[in-house]
């Protein structure tokens, strides 16, 4: 028999999800069977599939030591070869905020697990004391592959739920910087319906999901503008489609109507994320800084 005490990272986790993460070598059918047959007890009582765990709960698993060790050992193999070389911008007991480079996936895709930001942060947190808990660090929002900047990862189930709920309510400040085509001035809001068509988001003439972005033009130079944007909703490609809708697509964003620039992708940076006393800023990446300087912007005077 194995005895475990639920720590803060797993507070609020449903028992079946906790067991699935704790024992990655146990198939999902085995998770449900273990619960159904009484091999999982919480505070001395048989767990049910809808049992939710809380910090301080004592869980007894009726597995042999050898079986438990075998089923629990898989994360070590999973993280073999995964880089931990991430830029941490902020960290506490609940979250870690990292600076995602452009070109890196937030979530793993087929064949790209080890190079995804999620895998790297998960391995980083696992190495630093998360070995005993079942929860694995997970992003509470995402950035497109070619967008750089702040990504918040929850280190506990409690934080994952709190941030997800706050994002849903529109309480999390998410501020971006972008270089767009065309000389421009002023500030305002874009509020339109959008719909997803394959890998592209389109403005919906009728219906569609509501989307809203606030924008402020910081400066213009050589036929381009540097814009500060605040997401008020979180649709896929929202900033890219909204800027194109206003006639100022992101520089080099050919998918949304910009003139192609050989060897370049668009310049979009998640500069700031803030909520509940946490305020994280990611410095402008070298690639974007060099582009701004080439275009004649005096960045130090603007941001």
C-alpha atoms as a PDB file:
ATOM      1  CA  UNK A   1       0.000   0.000   0.000  1.00  0.00           C
ATOM      2  CA  UNK A   2       1.181   3.515  -0.852  1.00  0.00           C
ATOM      3  CA  UNK A   3       0.272   6.486   1.373  1.00  0.00           C
ATOM      4  CA  UNK A   4       0.394  10.014  -0.065  1.00  0.00           C
ATOM      5  CA  UNK A   5      -0.608  13.399   1.341  1.00  0.00           C
ATOM      6  CA  UNK A   6      -2.060  15.889  -1.109  1.00  0.00           C
ATOM      7  CA  UNK A   7       0.081  19.016  -1.400  1.00  0.00           C
ATOM      8  CA  UNK A   8      -0.834  22.513  -2.583  1.00  0.00           C
ATOM      9  CA  UNK A   9      -0.022  21.767  -6.232  1.00  0.00           C
ATOM     10  CA  UNK A  10      -2.854  19.207  -6.414  1.00  0.00           C
ATOM     11  CA  UNK A  11      -5.446  21.060  -4.330  1.00  0.00           C
ATOM     12  CA  UNK A  12      -8.828  20.929  -6.086  1.00  0.00           C
ATOM     13  CA  UNK A  13      -7.833  18.213  -8.567  1.00  0.00           C
ATOM     14  CA  UNK A  14     -10.434  15.519  -9.409  1.00  0.00           C
ATOM     15  CA  UNK A  15      -9.116  12.176  -8.188  1.00  0.00           C
ATOM     16  CA  UNK A  16      -9.193  10.499 -11.612  1.00  0.00           C
ATOM     17  CA  UNK A  17      -7.136  13.311 -13.193  1.00  0.00           C
ATOM     18  CA  UNK A  18      -4.736  13.286 -10.251  1.00  0.00           C
ATOM     19  CA  UNK A  19      -4.212   9.533 -10.546  1.00  0.00           C
ATOM     20  CA  UNK A  20      -3.722   9.761 -14.315  1.00  0.00           C
ATOM     21  CA  UNK A  21      -0.944  12.318 -13.850  1.00  0.00           C
ATOM     22  CA  UNK A  22       0.573  10.596 -10.826  1.00  0.00           C
ATOM     23  CA  UNK A  23       0.816   7.256 -12.614  1.00  0.00           C
ATOM     24  CA  UNK A  24       1.469   8.013 -16.298  1.00  0.00           C
ATOM     25  CA  UNK A  25       2.227   4.344 -16.908  1.00  0.00           C
ATOM     26  CA  UNK A  26      -1.343   3.391 -15.938  1.00  0.00           C
ATOM     27  CA  UNK A  27      -3.779   3.524 -18.873  1.00  0.00           C
ATOM     28  CA  UNK A  28      -6.973   5.532 -18.484  1.00  0.00           C
ATOM     29  CA  UNK A  29      -9.026   2.343 -18.256  1.00  0.00           C
ATOM     30  CA  UNK A  30      -6.769   1.261 -15.397  1.00  0.00           C
ATOM     31  CA  UNK A  31      -7.344   4.576 -13.614  1.00  0.00           C
ATOM     32  CA  UNK A  32     -11.110   4.138 -13.640  1.00  0.00           C
ATOM     33  CA  UNK A  33     -10.868   0.466 -12.726  1.00  0.00           C
ATOM     34  CA  UNK A  34      -8.621   1.271  -9.742  1.00  0.00           C
ATOM     35  CA  UNK A  35     -11.185   3.772  -8.458  1.00  0.00           C
ATOM     36  CA  UNK A  36     -14.132   1.492  -9.143  1.00  0.00           C
ATOM     37  CA  UNK A  37     -12.593  -1.523  -7.388  1.00  0.00           C
ATOM     38  CA  UNK A  38     -11.615   0.391  -4.234  1.00  0.00           C
ATOM     39  CA  UNK A  39      -7.855   0.554  -4.785  1.00  0.00           C
ATOM     40  CA  UNK A  40      -7.962   4.306  -4.080  1.00  0.00           C
ATOM     41  CA  UNK A  41      -9.081   5.632  -0.668  1.00  0.00           C
ATOM     42  CA  UNK A  42      -9.204   9.269   0.435  1.00  0.00           C
ATOM     43  CA  UNK A  43      -9.136   9.936   4.176  1.00  0.00           C
ATOM     44  CA  UNK A  44     -10.054   6.318   4.798  1.00  0.00           C
ATOM     45  CA  UNK A  45     -13.055   6.249   2.440  1.00  0.00           C
ATOM     46  CA  UNK A  46     -13.271   4.699  -1.015  1.00  0.00           C
ATOM     47  CA  UNK A  47     -12.855   7.346  -3.684  1.00  0.00           C
ATOM     48  CA  UNK A  48     -15.475   7.913  -6.336  1.00  0.00           C
ATOM     49  CA  UNK A  49     -14.864   9.168  -9.842  1.00  0.00           C
ATOM     50  CA  UNK A  50     -16.175  12.635  -8.891  1.00  0.00           C
ATOM     51  CA  UNK A  51     -14.117  12.884  -5.686  1.00  0.00           C
ATOM     52  CA  UNK A  52     -12.140  16.119  -5.582  1.00  0.00           C
ATOM     53  CA  UNK A  53      -8.879  16.227  -3.640  1.00  0.00           C
ATOM     54  CA  UNK A  54      -7.813  18.971  -1.244  1.00  0.00           C
ATOM     55  CA  UNK A  55      -4.543  19.932   0.371  1.00  0.00           C
ATOM     56  CA  UNK A  56      -3.917  17.757   3.417  1.00  0.00           C
ATOM     57  CA  UNK A  57      -6.036  14.814   2.248  1.00  0.00           C
ATOM     58  CA  UNK A  58      -4.423  11.432   2.849  1.00  0.00           C
ATOM     59  CA  UNK A  59      -4.702   9.043  -0.096  1.00  0.00           C
ATOM     60  CA  UNK A  60      -4.032   5.323   0.118  1.00  0.00           C
ATOM     61  CA  UNK A  61      -3.253   3.483  -3.123  1.00  0.00           C
ATOM     62  CA  UNK A  62      -3.468  -0.285  -2.980  1.00  0.00           C
ATOM     63  CA  UNK A  63      -0.533  -1.019  -5.289  1.00  0.00           C
ATOM     64  CA  UNK A  64       2.653  -2.900  -4.512  1.00  0.00           C
ATOM     65  CA  UNK A  65       5.802  -0.814  -4.120  1.00  0.00           C
ATOM     66  CA  UNK A  66       7.222  -2.275  -7.327  1.00  0.00           C
ATOM     67  CA  UNK A  67       4.068  -1.626  -9.364  1.00  0.00           C
ATOM     68  CA  UNK A  68       3.809   1.929  -8.053  1.00  0.00           C
ATOM     69  CA  UNK A  69       7.461   2.674  -8.828  1.00  0.00           C
ATOM     70  CA  UNK A  70       7.081   1.326 -12.347  1.00  0.00           C
ATOM     71  CA  UNK A  71       3.890   3.262 -13.107  1.00  0.00           C
ATOM     72  CA  UNK A  72       5.193   6.481 -11.523  1.00  0.00           C
ATOM     73  CA  UNK A  73       8.631   6.475 -13.191  1.00  0.00           C
ATOM     74  CA  UNK A  74       7.597   7.528 -16.677  1.00  0.00           C
ATOM     75  CA  UNK A  75       8.024  11.333 -16.259  1.00  0.00           C
ATOM     76  CA  UNK A  76      11.794  10.903 -15.935  1.00  0.00           C
ATOM     77  CA  UNK A  77      11.908   9.232 -19.336  1.00  0.00           C
ATOM     78  CA  UNK A  78       9.429  11.753 -20.703  1.00  0.00           C
ATOM     79  CA  UNK A  79      11.741  14.667 -19.911  1.00  0.00           C
ATOM     80  CA  UNK A  80      14.911  13.055 -21.208  1.00  0.00           C
ATOM     81  CA  UNK A  81      16.396  15.352 -23.836  1.00  0.00           C
ATOM     82  CA  UNK A  82      14.044  18.242 -23.035  1.00  0.00           C
ATOM     83  CA  UNK A  83      15.856  21.563 -22.622  1.00  0.00           C
ATOM     84  CA  UNK A  84      15.442  23.497 -19.384  1.00  0.00           C
ATOM     85  CA  UNK A  85      17.044  26.609 -20.883  1.00  0.00           C
ATOM     86  CA  UNK A  86      14.073  28.941 -20.492  1.00  0.00           C
ATOM     87  CA  UNK A  87      13.983  32.635 -19.594  1.00  0.00           C
ATOM     88  CA  UNK A  88      12.056  32.932 -16.334  1.00  0.00           C
ATOM     89  CA  UNK A  89      10.568  36.395 -15.859  1.00  0.00           C
ATOM     90  CA  UNK A  90       8.736  35.725 -12.581  1.00  0.00           C
ATOM     91  CA  UNK A  91       8.127  32.762 -10.311  1.00  0.00           C
ATOM     92  CA  UNK A  92       6.334  32.032  -7.042  1.00  0.00           C
ATOM     93  CA  UNK A  93       4.770  28.947  -5.463  1.00  0.00           C
ATOM     94  CA  UNK A  94       1.763  29.062  -7.799  1.00  0.00           C
ATOM     95  CA  UNK A  95       2.982  30.188 -11.231  1.00  0.00           C
ATOM     96  CA  UNK A  96       6.041  30.668 -13.396  1.00  0.00           C
ATOM     97  CA  UNK A  97       6.090  33.315 -16.146  1.00  0.00           C
ATOM     98  CA  UNK A  98       8.483  32.749 -19.024  1.00  0.00           C
ATOM     99  CA  UNK A  99       9.566  34.699 -22.087  1.00  0.00           C
ATOM    100  CA  UNK A 100       8.673  32.657 -25.177  1.00  0.00           C
ATOM    101  CA  UNK A 101      10.933  33.206 -28.198  1.00  0.00           C
ATOM    102  CA  UNK A 102       9.357  33.603 -31.624  1.00  0.00           C
ATOM    103  CA  UNK A 103       9.400  30.323 -33.539  1.00  0.00           C
ATOM    104  CA  UNK A 104       8.691  28.120 -30.503  1.00  0.00           C
ATOM    105  CA  UNK A 105       5.339  26.386 -30.022  1.00  0.00           C
ATOM    106  CA  UNK A 106       3.532  26.981 -26.733  1.00  0.00           C
ATOM    107  CA  UNK A 107       1.724  23.647 -26.816  1.00  0.00           C
ATOM    108  CA  UNK A 108       3.403  20.538 -28.218  1.00  0.00           C
ATOM    109  CA  UNK A 109       2.443  19.391 -31.700  1.00  0.00           C
ATOM    110  CA  UNK A 110       3.000  15.960 -33.163  1.00  0.00           C
ATOM    111  CA  UNK A 111       6.723  15.340 -33.460  1.00  0.00           C
ATOM    112  CA  UNK A 112       7.614  18.574 -31.641  1.00  0.00           C
ATOM    113  CA  UNK A 113       6.969  17.712 -27.996  1.00  0.00           C
ATOM    114  CA  UNK A 114      10.528  18.122 -26.722  1.00  0.00           C
ATOM    115  CA  UNK A 115      11.009  21.543 -28.330  1.00  0.00           C
ATOM    116  CA  UNK A 116       7.695  23.039 -27.176  1.00  0.00           C
ATOM    117  CA  UNK A 117       7.662  25.644 -24.424  1.00  0.00           C
ATOM    118  CA  UNK A 118       5.177  23.559 -22.445  1.00  0.00           C
ATOM    119  CA  UNK A 119       7.549  20.590 -22.322  1.00  0.00           C
ATOM    120  CA  UNK A 120      10.490  22.765 -21.302  1.00  0.00           C
ATOM    121  CA  UNK A 121       8.604  24.482 -18.477  1.00  0.00           C
ATOM    122  CA  UNK A 122       7.056  21.215 -17.310  1.00  0.00           C
ATOM    123  CA  UNK A 123      10.527  19.669 -17.076  1.00  0.00           C
ATOM    124  CA  UNK A 124      11.944  22.775 -15.368  1.00  0.00           C
ATOM    125  CA  UNK A 125       9.243  22.729 -12.670  1.00  0.00           C
ATOM    126  CA  UNK A 126       9.465  18.957 -12.268  1.00  0.00           C
ATOM    127  CA  UNK A 127      13.200  19.222 -11.572  1.00  0.00           C
ATOM    128  CA  UNK A 128      12.588  21.827  -8.878  1.00  0.00           C
ATOM    129  CA  UNK A 129      10.390  19.878  -6.522  1.00  0.00           C
ATOM    130  CA  UNK A 130       7.256  18.824  -8.382  1.00  0.00           C
ATOM    131  CA  UNK A 131       8.271  15.158  -8.500  1.00  0.00           C
ATOM    132  CA  UNK A 132       5.972  14.107  -5.660  1.00  0.00           C
ATOM    133  CA  UNK A 133       2.796  15.784  -6.881  1.00  0.00           C
ATOM    134  CA  UNK A 134       0.616  14.707  -9.753  1.00  0.00           C
ATOM    135  CA  UNK A 135       0.029  18.144 -11.275  1.00  0.00           C
ATOM    136  CA  UNK A 136       2.315  19.100 -14.152  1.00  0.00           C
ATOM    137  CA  UNK A 137       2.980  22.756 -14.975  1.00  0.00           C
ATOM    138  CA  UNK A 138       0.603  23.915 -17.716  1.00  0.00           C
ATOM    139  CA  UNK A 139       0.116  27.176 -19.670  1.00  0.00           C
ATOM    140  CA  UNK A 140      -2.985  29.165 -18.745  1.00  0.00           C
ATOM    141  CA  UNK A 141      -2.998  30.908 -22.141  1.00  0.00           C
ATOM    142  CA  UNK A 142      -1.075  30.536 -25.385  1.00  0.00           C
ATOM    143  CA  UNK A 143       0.844  32.455 -28.005  1.00  0.00           C
ATOM    144  CA  UNK A 144       1.177  31.604 -31.693  1.00  0.00           C
ATOM    145  CA  UNK A 145       4.439  30.038 -32.820  1.00  0.00           C
ATOM    146  CA  UNK A 146       5.807  33.290 -34.276  1.00  0.00           C
ATOM    147  CA  UNK A 147       4.626  35.519 -31.417  1.00  0.00           C
ATOM    148  CA  UNK A 148       7.118  36.172 -28.610  1.00  0.00           C
ATOM    149  CA  UNK A 149       6.619  37.276 -25.025  1.00  0.00           C
ATOM    150  CA  UNK A 150       5.044  36.461 -21.676  1.00  0.00           C
ATOM    151  CA  UNK A 151       3.384  33.097 -21.116  1.00  0.00           C
ATOM    152  CA  UNK A 152       2.034  32.240 -17.665  1.00  0.00           C
ATOM    153  CA  UNK A 153       2.301  28.623 -16.508  1.00  0.00           C
ATOM    154  CA  UNK A 154       0.373  27.326 -13.507  1.00  0.00           C
ATOM    155  CA  UNK A 155       2.376  25.182 -11.093  1.00  0.00           C
ATOM    156  CA  UNK A 156      -0.716  24.092  -9.163  1.00  0.00           C
ATOM    157  CA  UNK A 157      -4.231  22.988 -10.048  1.00  0.00           C
ATOM    158  CA  UNK A 158      -5.526  25.849  -7.904  1.00  0.00           C
ATOM    159  CA  UNK A 159      -3.594  28.447  -9.904  1.00  0.00           C
ATOM    160  CA  UNK A 160      -4.624  26.901 -13.223  1.00  0.00           C
ATOM    161  CA  UNK A 161      -8.304  27.262 -12.328  1.00  0.00           C
ATOM    162  CA  UNK A 162      -7.937  30.756 -10.857  1.00  0.00           C
ATOM    163  CA  UNK A 163      -6.104  32.141 -13.905  1.00  0.00           C
ATOM    164  CA  UNK A 164      -8.412  30.383 -16.367  1.00  0.00           C
ATOM    165  CA  UNK A 165     -11.470  31.834 -14.617  1.00  0.00           C
ATOM    166  CA  UNK A 166      -9.906  35.314 -14.496  1.00  0.00           C
ATOM    167  CA  UNK A 167      -9.098  35.185 -18.218  1.00  0.00           C
ATOM    168  CA  UNK A 168     -12.655  34.056 -18.951  1.00  0.00           C
ATOM    169  CA  UNK A 169     -13.979  37.045 -16.963  1.00  0.00           C
ATOM    170  CA  UNK A 170     -11.668  39.433 -18.824  1.00  0.00           C
ATOM    171  CA  UNK A 171      -9.730  40.425 -15.692  1.00  0.00           C
ATOM    172  CA  UNK A 172      -6.230  39.545 -16.940  1.00  0.00           C
ATOM    173  CA  UNK A 173      -4.402  42.399 -18.649  1.00  0.00           C
ATOM    174  CA  UNK A 174      -2.655  41.190 -21.816  1.00  0.00           C
ATOM    175  CA  UNK A 175      -0.700  43.898 -23.618  1.00  0.00           C
ATOM    176  CA  UNK A 176       1.162  43.449 -26.922  1.00  0.00           C
ATOM    177  CA  UNK A 177       3.507  45.448 -29.138  1.00  0.00           C
ATOM    178  CA  UNK A 178       3.321  45.112 -32.913  1.00  0.00           C
ATOM    179  CA  UNK A 179       4.899  46.646 -36.008  1.00  0.00           C
ATOM    180  CA  UNK A 180       2.246  47.247 -38.660  1.00  0.00           C
ATOM    181  CA  UNK A 181       2.186  48.510 -42.217  1.00  0.00           C
ATOM    182  CA  UNK A 182       1.433  52.158 -42.899  1.00  0.00           C
ATOM    183  CA  UNK A 183       1.920  55.485 -41.139  1.00  0.00           C
ATOM    184  CA  UNK A 184      -0.809  55.836 -38.530  1.00  0.00           C
ATOM    185  CA  UNK A 185      -1.859  57.850 -35.502  1.00  0.00           C
ATOM    186  CA  UNK A 186      -4.434  57.769 -32.738  1.00  0.00           C
ATOM    187  CA  UNK A 187      -6.086  55.143 -30.576  1.00  0.00           C
ATOM    188  CA  UNK A 188      -9.354  53.255 -30.449  1.00  0.00           C
ATOM    189  CA  UNK A 189     -11.161  49.928 -30.254  1.00  0.00           C
ATOM    190  CA  UNK A 190     -11.907  47.211 -32.763  1.00  0.00           C
ATOM    191  CA  UNK A 191     -15.045  45.257 -31.910  1.00  0.00           C
ATOM    192  CA  UNK A 192     -16.223  42.769 -34.540  1.00  0.00           C
ATOM    193  CA  UNK A 193     -17.433  39.212 -34.882  1.00  0.00           C
ATOM    194  CA  UNK A 194     -14.920  36.673 -36.174  1.00  0.00           C
ATOM    195  CA  UNK A 195     -15.057  33.108 -37.363  1.00  0.00           C
ATOM    196  CA  UNK A 196     -12.368  30.491 -37.829  1.00  0.00           C
ATOM    197  CA  UNK A 197     -11.831  29.038 -41.321  1.00  0.00           C
ATOM    198  CA  UNK A 198      -9.169  26.349 -41.286  1.00  0.00           C
ATOM    199  CA  UNK A 199      -5.919  28.015 -40.206  1.00  0.00           C
ATOM    200  CA  UNK A 200      -7.244  31.549 -40.759  1.00  0.00           C
ATOM    201  CA  UNK A 201      -9.562  33.835 -38.771  1.00  0.00           C
ATOM    202  CA  UNK A 202     -11.995  35.980 -40.758  1.00  0.00           C
ATOM    203  CA  UNK A 203     -14.236  38.936 -39.961  1.00  0.00           C
ATOM    204  CA  UNK A 204     -17.806  37.613 -39.862  1.00  0.00           C
ATOM    205  CA  UNK A 205     -20.370  39.731 -41.674  1.00  0.00           C
ATOM    206  CA  UNK A 206     -23.101  38.033 -39.678  1.00  0.00           C
ATOM    207  CA  UNK A 207     -22.791  36.206 -36.380  1.00  0.00           C
ATOM    208  CA  UNK A 208     -19.352  34.962 -35.438  1.00  0.00           C
ATOM    209  CA  UNK A 209     -17.703  35.113 -32.047  1.00  0.00           C
ATOM    210  CA  UNK A 210     -17.351  38.585 -30.509  1.00  0.00           C
ATOM    211  CA  UNK A 211     -13.808  39.942 -30.406  1.00  0.00           C
ATOM    212  CA  UNK A 212     -12.429  43.218 -29.106  1.00  0.00           C
ATOM    213  CA  UNK A 213      -8.993  44.838 -29.123  1.00  0.00           C
ATOM    214  CA  UNK A 214      -7.912  48.250 -27.830  1.00  0.00           C
ATOM    215  CA  UNK A 215      -5.034  49.901 -29.678  1.00  0.00           C
ATOM    216  CA  UNK A 216      -2.764  52.938 -29.359  1.00  0.00           C
ATOM    217  CA  UNK A 217      -0.277  54.013 -32.010  1.00  0.00           C
ATOM    218  CA  UNK A 218       3.016  54.833 -30.283  1.00  0.00           C
ATOM    219  CA  UNK A 219       4.936  56.191 -33.292  1.00  0.00           C
ATOM    220  CA  UNK A 220       5.359  55.905 -37.060  1.00  0.00           C
ATOM    221  CA  UNK A 221       8.466  55.683 -39.222  1.00  0.00           C
ATOM    222  CA  UNK A 222       9.242  54.861 -42.862  1.00  0.00           C
ATOM    223  CA  UNK A 223       5.791  53.665 -43.785  1.00  0.00           C
ATOM    224  CA  UNK A 224       5.259  51.579 -40.640  1.00  0.00           C
ATOM    225  CA  UNK A 225       3.810  52.109 -37.159  1.00  0.00           C
ATOM    226  CA  UNK A 226       4.564  50.732 -33.715  1.00  0.00           C
ATOM    227  CA  UNK A 227       1.305  49.903 -31.936  1.00  0.00           C
ATOM    228  CA  UNK A 228       0.447  48.980 -28.354  1.00  0.00           C
ATOM    229  CA  UNK A 229      -2.531  46.607 -28.190  1.00  0.00           C
ATOM    230  CA  UNK A 230      -4.646  45.261 -25.359  1.00  0.00           C
ATOM    231  CA  UNK A 231      -6.652  42.100 -25.832  1.00  0.00           C
ATOM    232  CA  UNK A 232     -10.140  42.408 -24.381  1.00  0.00           C
ATOM    233  CA  UNK A 233     -11.107  38.994 -25.717  1.00  0.00           C
ATOM    234  CA  UNK A 234      -8.870  36.107 -26.717  1.00  0.00           C
ATOM    235  CA  UNK A 235      -9.690  34.779 -30.173  1.00  0.00           C
ATOM    236  CA  UNK A 236      -7.157  32.943 -32.313  1.00  0.00           C
ATOM    237  CA  UNK A 237      -5.086  35.392 -34.430  1.00  0.00           C
ATOM    238  CA  UNK A 238      -7.192  38.229 -32.988  1.00  0.00           C
ATOM    239  CA  UNK A 239      -4.603  40.992 -33.242  1.00  0.00           C
ATOM    240  CA  UNK A 240      -3.524  39.923 -36.715  1.00  0.00           C
ATOM    241  CA  UNK A 241      -7.048  39.900 -38.114  1.00  0.00           C
ATOM    242  CA  UNK A 242      -8.048  43.135 -36.365  1.00  0.00           C
ATOM    243  CA  UNK A 243      -5.055  45.056 -37.656  1.00  0.00           C
ATOM    244  CA  UNK A 244      -5.713  43.765 -41.168  1.00  0.00           C
ATOM    245  CA  UNK A 245      -9.373  44.800 -40.783  1.00  0.00           C
ATOM    246  CA  UNK A 246      -8.224  48.362 -40.007  1.00  0.00           C
ATOM    247  CA  UNK A 247      -6.005  48.415 -43.085  1.00  0.00           C
ATOM    248  CA  UNK A 248      -2.757  48.068 -41.138  1.00  0.00           C
ATOM    249  CA  UNK A 249      -1.764  44.393 -41.182  1.00  0.00           C
ATOM    250  CA  UNK A 250       1.246  43.324 -39.176  1.00  0.00           C
ATOM    251  CA  UNK A 251       4.451  43.928 -41.099  1.00  0.00           C
ATOM    252  CA  UNK A 252       5.360  40.813 -43.161  1.00  0.00           C
ATOM    253  CA  UNK A 253       2.133  39.010 -42.159  1.00  0.00           C
ATOM    254  CA  UNK A 254       1.309  37.802 -45.652  1.00  0.00           C
ATOM    255  CA  UNK A 255      -1.491  35.499 -44.391  1.00  0.00           C
ATOM    256  CA  UNK A 256      -3.473  38.603 -43.488  1.00  0.00           C
ATOM    257  CA  UNK A 257      -2.651  40.745 -46.492  1.00  0.00           C
ATOM    258  CA  UNK A 258       0.729  42.317 -45.742  1.00  0.00           C
ATOM    259  CA  UNK A 259       3.429  42.551 -48.360  1.00  0.00           C
ATOM    260  CA  UNK A 260       5.807  39.603 -48.007  1.00  0.00           C
ATOM    261  CA  UNK A 261       9.353  40.353 -46.858  1.00  0.00           C
ATOM    262  CA  UNK A 262      11.824  37.664 -47.779  1.00  0.00           C
ATOM    263  CA  UNK A 263      13.120  35.779 -44.754  1.00  0.00           C
ATOM    264  CA  UNK A 264      10.891  37.607 -42.264  1.00  0.00           C
ATOM    265  CA  UNK A 265       7.750  36.796 -40.288  1.00  0.00           C
ATOM    266  CA  UNK A 266       5.463  39.258 -38.499  1.00  0.00           C
ATOM    267  CA  UNK A 267       6.580  41.210 -35.428  1.00  0.00           C
ATOM    268  CA  UNK A 268       4.201  40.652 -32.501  1.00  0.00           C
ATOM    269  CA  UNK A 269       5.322  40.580 -28.873  1.00  0.00           C
ATOM    270  CA  UNK A 270       3.291  39.840 -25.719  1.00  0.00           C
ATOM    271  CA  UNK A 271       4.895  42.619 -23.709  1.00  0.00           C
ATOM    272  CA  UNK A 272       2.933  42.475 -20.452  1.00  0.00           C
ATOM    273  CA  UNK A 273       0.572  40.206 -18.499  1.00  0.00           C
ATOM    274  CA  UNK A 274      -0.908  41.310 -15.173  1.00  0.00           C
ATOM    275  CA  UNK A 275      -3.502  40.039 -12.700  1.00  0.00           C
ATOM    276  CA  UNK A 276      -4.063  39.843  -8.963  1.00  0.00           C
ATOM    277  CA  UNK A 277      -0.841  41.591  -7.950  1.00  0.00           C
ATOM    278  CA  UNK A 278       1.338  39.815 -10.512  1.00  0.00           C
ATOM    279  CA  UNK A 279       2.664  42.130 -13.230  1.00  0.00           C
ATOM    280  CA  UNK A 280       5.125  40.603 -15.700  1.00  0.00           C
ATOM    281  CA  UNK A 281       6.923  42.409 -18.519  1.00  0.00           C
ATOM    282  CA  UNK A 282       8.970  40.710 -21.242  1.00  0.00           C
ATOM    283  CA  UNK A 283      11.685  42.872 -22.820  1.00  0.00           C
ATOM    284  CA  UNK A 284      11.441  43.457 -26.551  1.00  0.00           C
ATOM    285  CA  UNK A 285      13.340  40.620 -28.256  1.00  0.00           C
ATOM    286  CA  UNK A 286      16.529  41.310 -30.168  1.00  0.00           C
ATOM    287  CA  UNK A 287      14.930  40.486 -33.536  1.00  0.00           C
ATOM    288  CA  UNK A 288      12.161  43.051 -33.055  1.00  0.00           C
ATOM    289  CA  UNK A 289      14.479  45.645 -31.552  1.00  0.00           C
ATOM    290  CA  UNK A 290      16.826  45.429 -34.534  1.00  0.00           C
ATOM    291  CA  UNK A 291      13.911  45.796 -36.939  1.00  0.00           C
ATOM    292  CA  UNK A 292      12.651  48.891 -35.131  1.00  0.00           C
ATOM    293  CA  UNK A 293      16.113  50.444 -35.199  1.00  0.00           C
ATOM    294  CA  UNK A 294      16.472  49.655 -38.913  1.00  0.00           C
ATOM    295  CA  UNK A 295      13.162  51.417 -39.510  1.00  0.00           C
ATOM    296  CA  UNK A 296      14.406  54.518 -37.675  1.00  0.00           C
ATOM    297  CA  UNK A 297      12.562  54.224 -34.348  1.00  0.00           C
ATOM    298  CA  UNK A 298      14.255  55.485 -31.184  1.00  0.00           C
ATOM    299  CA  UNK A 299      12.900  52.691 -29.037  1.00  0.00           C
ATOM    300  CA  UNK A 300      14.409  53.860 -25.749  1.00  0.00           C
ATOM    301  CA  UNK A 301      12.413  57.077 -26.046  1.00  0.00           C
ATOM    302  CA  UNK A 302       9.129  55.328 -26.845  1.00  0.00           C
ATOM    303  CA  UNK A 303       8.796  52.385 -24.448  1.00  0.00           C
END
